[in-house]
PDB file of N, CA and C in Angstrom:
ATOM      1  N   UNK A   1       2.930   8.518   3.668  1.00  0.00           N
ATOM      2  CA  UNK A   1       2.024   9.582   3.353  1.00  0.00           C
ATOM      3  C   UNK A   1       1.535  10.596   4.071  1.00  0.00           C
ATOM      4  N   UNK A   2       0.989  10.990   3.427  1.00  0.00           N
ATOM      5  CA  UNK A   2       0.050  12.622   3.134  1.00  0.00           C
ATOM      6  C   UNK A   2      -1.150  13.052   2.779  1.00  0.00           C
ATOM      7  N   UNK A   3      -1.628  14.066   3.524  1.00  0.00           N
ATOM      8  CA  UNK A   3      -3.051  14.186   2.934  1.00  0.00           C
ATOM      9  C   UNK A   3      -3.144  14.363   1.303  1.00  0.00           C
ATOM     10  N   UNK A   4      -4.277  13.979   0.717  1.00  0.00           N
ATOM     11  CA  UNK A   4      -3.824  13.302  -0.495  1.00  0.00           C
ATOM     12  C   UNK A   4      -3.229  13.141  -1.467  1.00  0.00           C
ATOM     13  N   UNK A   5      -2.772  12.361  -1.474  1.00  0.00           N
ATOM     14  CA  UNK A   5      -1.594  11.043  -1.636  1.00  0.00           C
ATOM     15  C   UNK A   5      -2.684  10.017  -1.815  1.00  0.00           C
ATOM     16  N   UNK A   6      -3.116   9.843  -2.995  1.00  0.00           N
ATOM     17  CA  UNK A   6      -3.854   8.171  -3.913  1.00  0.00           C
ATOM     18  C   UNK A   6      -2.810   7.047  -3.999  1.00  0.00           C
ATOM     19  N   UNK A   7      -3.437   6.141  -3.983  1.00  0.00           N
ATOM     20  CA  UNK A   7      -2.664   4.276  -3.322  1.00  0.00           C
ATOM     21  C   UNK A   7      -3.271   4.299  -4.797  1.00  0.00           C
ATOM     22  N   UNK A   8      -2.646   3.620  -5.526  1.00  0.00           N
ATOM     23  CA  UNK A   8      -2.379   3.272  -7.200  1.00  0.00           C
ATOM     24  C   UNK A   8      -2.467   2.029  -7.424  1.00  0.00           C
ATOM     25  N   UNK A   9      -1.664   1.520  -6.371  1.00  0.00           N
ATOM     26  CA  UNK A   9      -1.129  -0.341  -6.593  1.00  0.00           C
ATOM     27  C   UNK A   9       0.156  -0.843  -5.706  1.00  0.00           C
ATOM     28  N   UNK A  10      -0.200  -2.083  -5.898  1.00  0.00           N
ATOM     29  CA  UNK A  10       1.162  -2.618  -5.058  1.00  0.00           C
ATOM     30  C   UNK A  10       1.399  -3.723  -6.059  1.00  0.00           C
ATOM     31  N   UNK A  11       2.873  -3.653  -5.306  1.00  0.00           N
ATOM     32  CA  UNK A  11       4.273  -4.623  -5.765  1.00  0.00           C
ATOM     33  C   UNK A  11       3.839  -4.546  -8.099  1.00  0.00           C
ATOM     34  N   UNK A  12       3.863  -3.781  -7.910  1.00  0.00           N
ATOM     35  CA  UNK A  12       3.679  -3.490  -9.541  1.00  0.00           C
ATOM     36  C   UNK A  12       2.786  -3.126 -10.287  1.00  0.00           C
ATOM     37  N   UNK A  13       1.081  -3.620  -9.846  1.00  0.00           N
ATOM     38  CA  UNK A  13      -0.398  -4.253 -10.608  1.00  0.00           C
ATOM     39  C   UNK A  13      -0.583  -2.829  -9.379  1.00  0.00           C
ATOM     40  N   UNK A  14      -1.441  -2.124 -10.127  1.00  0.00           N
ATOM     41  CA  UNK A  14      -2.339  -1.293 -10.015  1.00  0.00           C
ATOM     42  C   UNK A  14      -3.843  -2.004  -9.411  1.00  0.00           C
ATOM     43  N   UNK A  15      -4.438  -1.822  -8.619  1.00  0.00           N
ATOM     44  CA  UNK A  15      -5.743  -1.193  -8.384  1.00  0.00           C
ATOM     45  C   UNK A  15      -7.161  -1.729  -9.354  1.00  0.00           C
ATOM     46  N   UNK A  16      -7.746  -2.285  -8.774  1.00  0.00           N
ATOM     47  CA  UNK A  16      -9.130  -2.651 -10.465  1.00  0.00           C
ATOM     48  C   UNK A  16     -10.167  -2.503  -9.291  1.00  0.00           C
ATOM     49  N   UNK A  17     -10.003  -2.804  -7.937  1.00  0.00           N
ATOM     50  CA  UNK A  17     -11.222  -2.995  -7.268  1.00  0.00           C
ATOM     51  C   UNK A  17     -10.788  -2.401  -5.601  1.00  0.00           C
ATOM     52  N   UNK A  18     -12.222  -2.460  -4.743  1.00  0.00           N
ATOM     53  CA  UNK A  18     -12.108  -1.777  -3.714  1.00  0.00           C
ATOM     54  C   UNK A  18     -10.971  -2.829  -3.280  1.00  0.00           C
ATOM     55  N   UNK A  19     -11.620  -3.806  -3.367  1.00  0.00           N
ATOM     56  CA  UNK A  19     -10.565  -4.897  -2.135  1.00  0.00           C
ATOM     57  C   UNK A  19      -9.440  -4.594  -2.870  1.00  0.00           C
ATOM     58  N   UNK A  20      -8.758  -4.659  -3.482  1.00  0.00           N
ATOM     59  CA  UNK A  20      -7.762  -5.052  -4.438  1.00  0.00           C
ATOM     60  C   UNK A  20      -6.150  -4.649  -2.615  1.00  0.00           C
ATOM     61  N   UNK A  21      -6.913  -3.493  -2.359  1.00  0.00           N
ATOM     62  CA  UNK A  21      -5.394  -3.229  -1.054  1.00  0.00           C
ATOM     63  C   UNK A  21      -6.131  -4.087   0.429  1.00  0.00           C
ATOM     64  N   UNK A  22      -6.939  -4.601   0.750  1.00  0.00           N
ATOM     65  CA  UNK A  22      -6.993  -5.409   1.463  1.00  0.00           C
ATOM     66  C   UNK A  22      -6.212  -6.625   1.390  1.00  0.00           C
ATOM     67  N   UNK A  23      -6.375  -7.546   0.403  1.00  0.00           N
ATOM     68  CA  UNK A  23      -6.310  -8.222  -0.290  1.00  0.00           C
ATOM     69  C   UNK A  23      -4.515  -8.897  -0.195  1.00  0.00           C
ATOM     70  N   UNK A  24      -4.291  -7.933  -0.825  1.00  0.00           N
ATOM     71  CA  UNK A  24      -2.483  -7.499  -0.464  1.00  0.00           C
ATOM     72  C   UNK A  24      -2.217  -7.175   0.760  1.00  0.00           C
ATOM     73  N   UNK A  25      -2.918  -6.710   2.052  1.00  0.00           N
ATOM     74  CA  UNK A  25      -2.212  -6.599   2.747  1.00  0.00           C
ATOM     75  C   UNK A  25      -2.789  -7.655   3.634  1.00  0.00           C
ATOM     76  N   UNK A  26      -3.558  -8.645   3.545  1.00  0.00           N
ATOM     77  CA  UNK A  26      -3.814  -9.936   4.211  1.00  0.00           C
ATOM     78  C   UNK A  26      -3.382 -10.583   3.993  1.00  0.00           C
ATOM     79  N   UNK A  27      -2.520 -10.924   2.940  1.00  0.00           N
ATOM     80  CA  UNK A  27      -1.763 -11.699   1.890  1.00  0.00           C
ATOM     81  C   UNK A  27      -0.081 -11.930   2.236  1.00  0.00           C
ATOM     82  N   UNK A  28       0.134 -10.859   2.488  1.00  0.00           N
ATOM     83  CA  UNK A  28       1.464 -10.079   2.782  1.00  0.00           C
ATOM     84  C   UNK A  28       2.479 -11.041   3.820  1.00  0.00           C
ATOM     85  N   UNK A  29       3.438 -10.956   3.381  1.00  0.00           N
ATOM     86  CA  UNK A  29       3.954 -11.447   4.799  1.00  0.00           C
ATOM     87  C   UNK A  29       5.262 -10.765   5.020  1.00  0.00           C
ATOM     88  N   UNK A  30       5.897  -9.718   5.691  1.00  0.00           N
ATOM     89  CA  UNK A  30       6.834  -8.886   5.859  1.00  0.00           C
ATOM     90  C   UNK A  30       6.078  -6.997   5.347  1.00  0.00           C
ATOM     91  N   UNK A  31       6.957  -6.627   4.889  1.00  0.00           N
ATOM     92  CA  UNK A  31       6.440  -5.499   4.202  1.00  0.00           C
ATOM     93  C   UNK A  31       5.342  -5.570   3.073  1.00  0.00           C
ATOM     94  N   UNK A  32       5.073  -4.555   2.165  1.00  0.00           N
ATOM     95  CA  UNK A  32       3.994  -4.437   0.978  1.00  0.00           C
ATOM     96  C   UNK A  32       4.756  -3.106   0.581  1.00  0.00           C
ATOM     97  N   UNK A  33       5.451  -3.316  -1.022  1.00  0.00           N
ATOM     98  CA  UNK A  33       5.402  -1.689  -1.310  1.00  0.00           C
ATOM     99  C   UNK A  33       4.550  -1.291  -2.098  1.00  0.00           C
ATOM    100  N   UNK A  34       3.593  -0.369  -1.346  1.00  0.00           N
ATOM    101  CA  UNK A  34       2.444   0.736  -2.184  1.00  0.00           C
ATOM    102  C   UNK A  34       2.810   1.425  -3.440  1.00  0.00           C
ATOM    103  N   UNK A  35       1.656   1.604  -4.244  1.00  0.00           N
ATOM    104  CA  UNK A  35       2.479   2.856  -5.076  1.00  0.00           C
ATOM    105  C   UNK A  35       1.480   3.638  -4.751  1.00  0.00           C
ATOM    106  N   UNK A  36       2.818   4.437  -4.283  1.00  0.00           N
ATOM    107  CA  UNK A  36       1.465   6.100  -4.768  1.00  0.00           C
ATOM    108  C   UNK A  36       1.584   7.384  -5.698  1.00  0.00           C
ATOM    109  N   UNK A  37       0.833   7.697  -6.168  1.00  0.00           N
ATOM    110  CA  UNK A  37       0.511   9.108  -6.398  1.00  0.00           C
ATOM    111  C   UNK A  37       0.671  10.650  -5.631  1.00  0.00           C
ATOM    112  N   UNK A  38       1.298  11.406  -5.832  1.00  0.00           N
ATOM    113  CA  UNK A  38       1.032  12.527  -5.193  1.00  0.00           C
ATOM    114  C   UNK A  38       1.618  13.941  -6.176  1.00  0.00           C
ATOM    115  N   UNK A  39       0.641  14.655  -6.616  1.00  0.00           N
ATOM    116  CA  UNK A  39       0.959  15.432  -7.674  1.00  0.00           C
ATOM    117  C   UNK A  39       0.660  15.045  -8.713  1.00  0.00           C
ATOM    118  N   UNK A  40       2.248  14.893  -9.082  1.00  0.00           N
ATOM    119  CA  UNK A  40       2.166  14.657 -10.832  1.00  0.00           C
ATOM    120  C   UNK A  40       3.027  13.450 -10.457  1.00  0.00           C
ATOM    121  N   UNK A  41       4.132  13.124  -9.184  1.00  0.00           N
ATOM    122  CA  UNK A  41       4.813  12.133  -9.392  1.00  0.00           C
ATOM    123  C   UNK A  41       4.452  11.310  -8.330  1.00  0.00           C
ATOM    124  N   UNK A  42       5.404   9.459  -8.907  1.00  0.00           N
ATOM    125  CA  UNK A  42       4.058   8.759  -8.406  1.00  0.00           C
ATOM    126  C   UNK A  42       5.780   8.035  -7.644  1.00  0.00           C
ATOM    127  N   UNK A  43       5.452   7.773  -6.775  1.00  0.00           N
ATOM    128  CA  UNK A  43       6.734   6.989  -5.740  1.00  0.00           C
ATOM    129  C   UNK A  43       5.993   5.442  -5.569  1.00  0.00           C
ATOM    130  N   UNK A  44       7.479   4.965  -4.515  1.00  0.00           N
ATOM    131  CA  UNK A  44       6.533   3.771  -3.330  1.00  0.00           C
ATOM    132  C   UNK A  44       7.041   3.930  -2.040  1.00  0.00           C
ATOM    133  N   UNK A  45       5.973   3.704  -1.448  1.00  0.00           N
ATOM    134  CA  UNK A  45       6.425   3.440   0.101  1.00  0.00           C
ATOM    135  C   UNK A  45       6.622   1.777   0.466  1.00  0.00           C
ATOM    136  N   UNK A  46       6.806   1.099   1.282  1.00  0.00           N
ATOM    137  CA  UNK A  46       7.072   0.023   1.905  1.00  0.00           C
ATOM    138  C   UNK A  46       6.455   0.348   3.379  1.00  0.00           C
ATOM    139  N   UNK A  47       4.889  -0.821   3.700  1.00  0.00           N
ATOM    140  CA  UNK A  47       4.303  -0.083   4.670  1.00  0.00           C
ATOM    141  C   UNK A  47       4.998  -1.895   5.435  1.00  0.00           C
ATOM    142  N   UNK A  48       5.202  -2.109   6.667  1.00  0.00           N
ATOM    143  CA  UNK A  48       5.500  -3.287   7.328  1.00  0.00           C
ATOM    144  C   UNK A  48       3.991  -3.895   7.918  1.00  0.00           C
ATOM    145  N   UNK A  49       4.059  -5.066   7.709  1.00  0.00           N
ATOM    146  CA  UNK A  49       3.099  -5.719   7.828  1.00  0.00           C
ATOM    147  C   UNK A  49       2.553  -6.564   8.583  1.00  0.00           C
ATOM    148  N   UNK A  50       2.227  -7.238   9.680  1.00  0.00           N
ATOM    149  CA  UNK A  50       2.290  -8.030  10.387  1.00  0.00           C
ATOM    150  C   UNK A  50       1.191  -8.685  11.151  1.00  0.00           C
ATOM    151  N   UNK A  51       0.738  -9.936  10.645  1.00  0.00           N
ATOM    152  CA  UNK A  51      -0.501 -11.211  11.001  1.00  0.00           C
ATOM    153  C   UNK A  51      -0.927 -10.466  13.053  1.00  0.00           C
ATOM    154  N   UNK A  52      -2.058 -10.368  12.836  1.00  0.00           N
ATOM    155  CA  UNK A  52      -2.969 -10.390  14.314  1.00  0.00           C
ATOM    156  C   UNK A  52      -3.254  -8.500  14.594  1.00  0.00           C
ATOM    157  N   UNK A  53      -1.918  -8.001  13.856  1.00  0.00           N
ATOM    158  CA  UNK A  53      -1.677  -6.439  14.403  1.00  0.00           C
ATOM    159  C   UNK A  53      -2.796  -5.696  13.593  1.00  0.00           C
ATOM    160  N   UNK A  54      -3.209  -4.566  14.824  1.00  0.00           N
ATOM    161  CA  UNK A  54      -4.789  -3.188  14.363  1.00  0.00           C
ATOM    162  C   UNK A  54      -3.689  -2.476  13.703  1.00  0.00           C
ATOM    163  N   UNK A  55      -2.519  -2.418  13.644  1.00  0.00           N
ATOM    164  CA  UNK A  55      -1.789  -0.937  13.203  1.00  0.00           C
ATOM    165  C   UNK A  55      -0.860  -1.210  12.353  1.00  0.00           C
ATOM    166  N   UNK A  56      -0.797  -0.182  11.018  1.00  0.00           N
ATOM    167  CA  UNK A  56       0.413  -0.308  10.460  1.00  0.00           C
ATOM    168  C   UNK A  56       1.316   0.221  10.206  1.00  0.00           C
ATOM    169  N   UNK A  57       2.243   0.156  10.497  1.00  0.00           N
ATOM    170  CA  UNK A  57       3.481   0.933  10.212  1.00  0.00           C
ATOM    171  C   UNK A  57       4.223   1.554   9.061  1.00  0.00           C
ATOM    172  N   UNK A  58       4.838   2.397   8.469  1.00  0.00           N
ATOM    173  CA  UNK A  58       5.155   2.431   7.497  1.00  0.00           C
ATOM    174  C   UNK A  58       6.733   2.996   7.481  1.00  0.00           C
ATOM    175  N   UNK A  59       7.021   2.683   6.426  1.00  0.00           N
ATOM    176  CA  UNK A  59       8.248   3.059   6.640  1.00  0.00           C
ATOM    177  C   UNK A  59       9.692   3.483   5.547  1.00  0.00           C
TER     178      UNK A  59
END
Protein backbone atom coordinates (compact mmCIF):
# COMPACT_ATOMS: atom_id res chain seq x y z
CA UNK A 1 0.00 0.00 0.00
CA UNK A 2 1.02 3.56 -0.63
CA UNK A 3 -0.13 6.93 0.63
CA UNK A 4 -3.28 7.83 -1.28
CA UNK A 5 -4.42 4.24 -1.89
CA UNK A 6 -8.11 3.76 -1.16
CA UNK A 7 -9.41 0.45 0.23
CA UNK A 8 -12.65 -0.28 -1.60
CA UNK A 9 -13.47 -3.90 -0.83
CA UNK A 10 -12.49 -7.46 -0.03
CA UNK A 11 -13.28 -10.81 -1.66
CA UNK A 12 -14.99 -9.08 -4.57
CA UNK A 13 -17.39 -7.20 -2.28
CA UNK A 14 -17.28 -3.43 -1.92
CA UNK A 15 -17.29 -1.94 1.56
CA UNK A 16 -20.67 -0.52 2.54
CA UNK A 17 -20.03 0.41 6.18
CA UNK A 18 -17.10 1.63 8.28
CA UNK A 19 -16.98 -1.75 10.05
CA UNK A 20 -16.68 -3.97 6.95
CA UNK A 21 -12.86 -4.12 6.88
CA UNK A 22 -12.63 -4.98 10.57
CA UNK A 23 -15.33 -7.64 10.19
CA UNK A 24 -13.59 -9.33 7.25
CA UNK A 25 -10.19 -9.29 8.98
CA UNK A 26 -11.60 -10.86 12.16
CA UNK A 27 -13.50 -13.53 10.20
CA UNK A 28 -10.62 -14.44 7.91
CA UNK A 29 -8.31 -17.39 8.16
CA UNK A 30 -5.05 -16.90 6.32
CA UNK A 31 -4.80 -14.15 3.73
CA UNK A 32 -7.40 -11.59 2.71
CA UNK A 33 -7.56 -10.15 -0.84
CA UNK A 34 -8.03 -6.40 -0.35
CA UNK A 35 -9.18 -4.36 -3.33
CA UNK A 36 -7.42 -1.02 -3.71
CA UNK A 37 -7.89 2.00 -5.88
CA UNK A 38 -4.73 3.90 -6.83
CA UNK A 39 -5.47 6.80 -9.11
CA UNK A 40 -7.73 5.31 -11.77
CA UNK A 41 -6.38 1.75 -11.41
CA UNK A 42 -7.95 -0.97 -9.29
CA UNK A 43 -5.87 -3.88 -8.02
CA UNK A 44 -5.72 -6.52 -5.27
CA UNK A 45 -3.15 -7.10 -2.53
CA UNK A 46 -3.17 -10.11 -0.22
CA UNK A 47 -2.83 -9.41 3.49
CA UNK A 48 -1.80 -12.22 5.87
CA UNK A 49 -3.94 -12.32 9.01
CA UNK A 50 -3.04 -14.29 12.14
CA UNK A 51 -5.31 -14.60 15.17
CA UNK A 52 -3.98 -12.90 18.27
CA UNK A 53 -1.42 -10.83 16.38
CA UNK A 54 -1.36 -7.04 16.50
CA UNK A 55 0.56 -6.48 13.26
CA UNK A 56 -0.52 -7.22 9.70
CA UNK A 57 1.92 -8.23 6.97
CA UNK A 58 1.05 -7.45 3.35
CA UNK A 59 2.47 -9.55 0.53
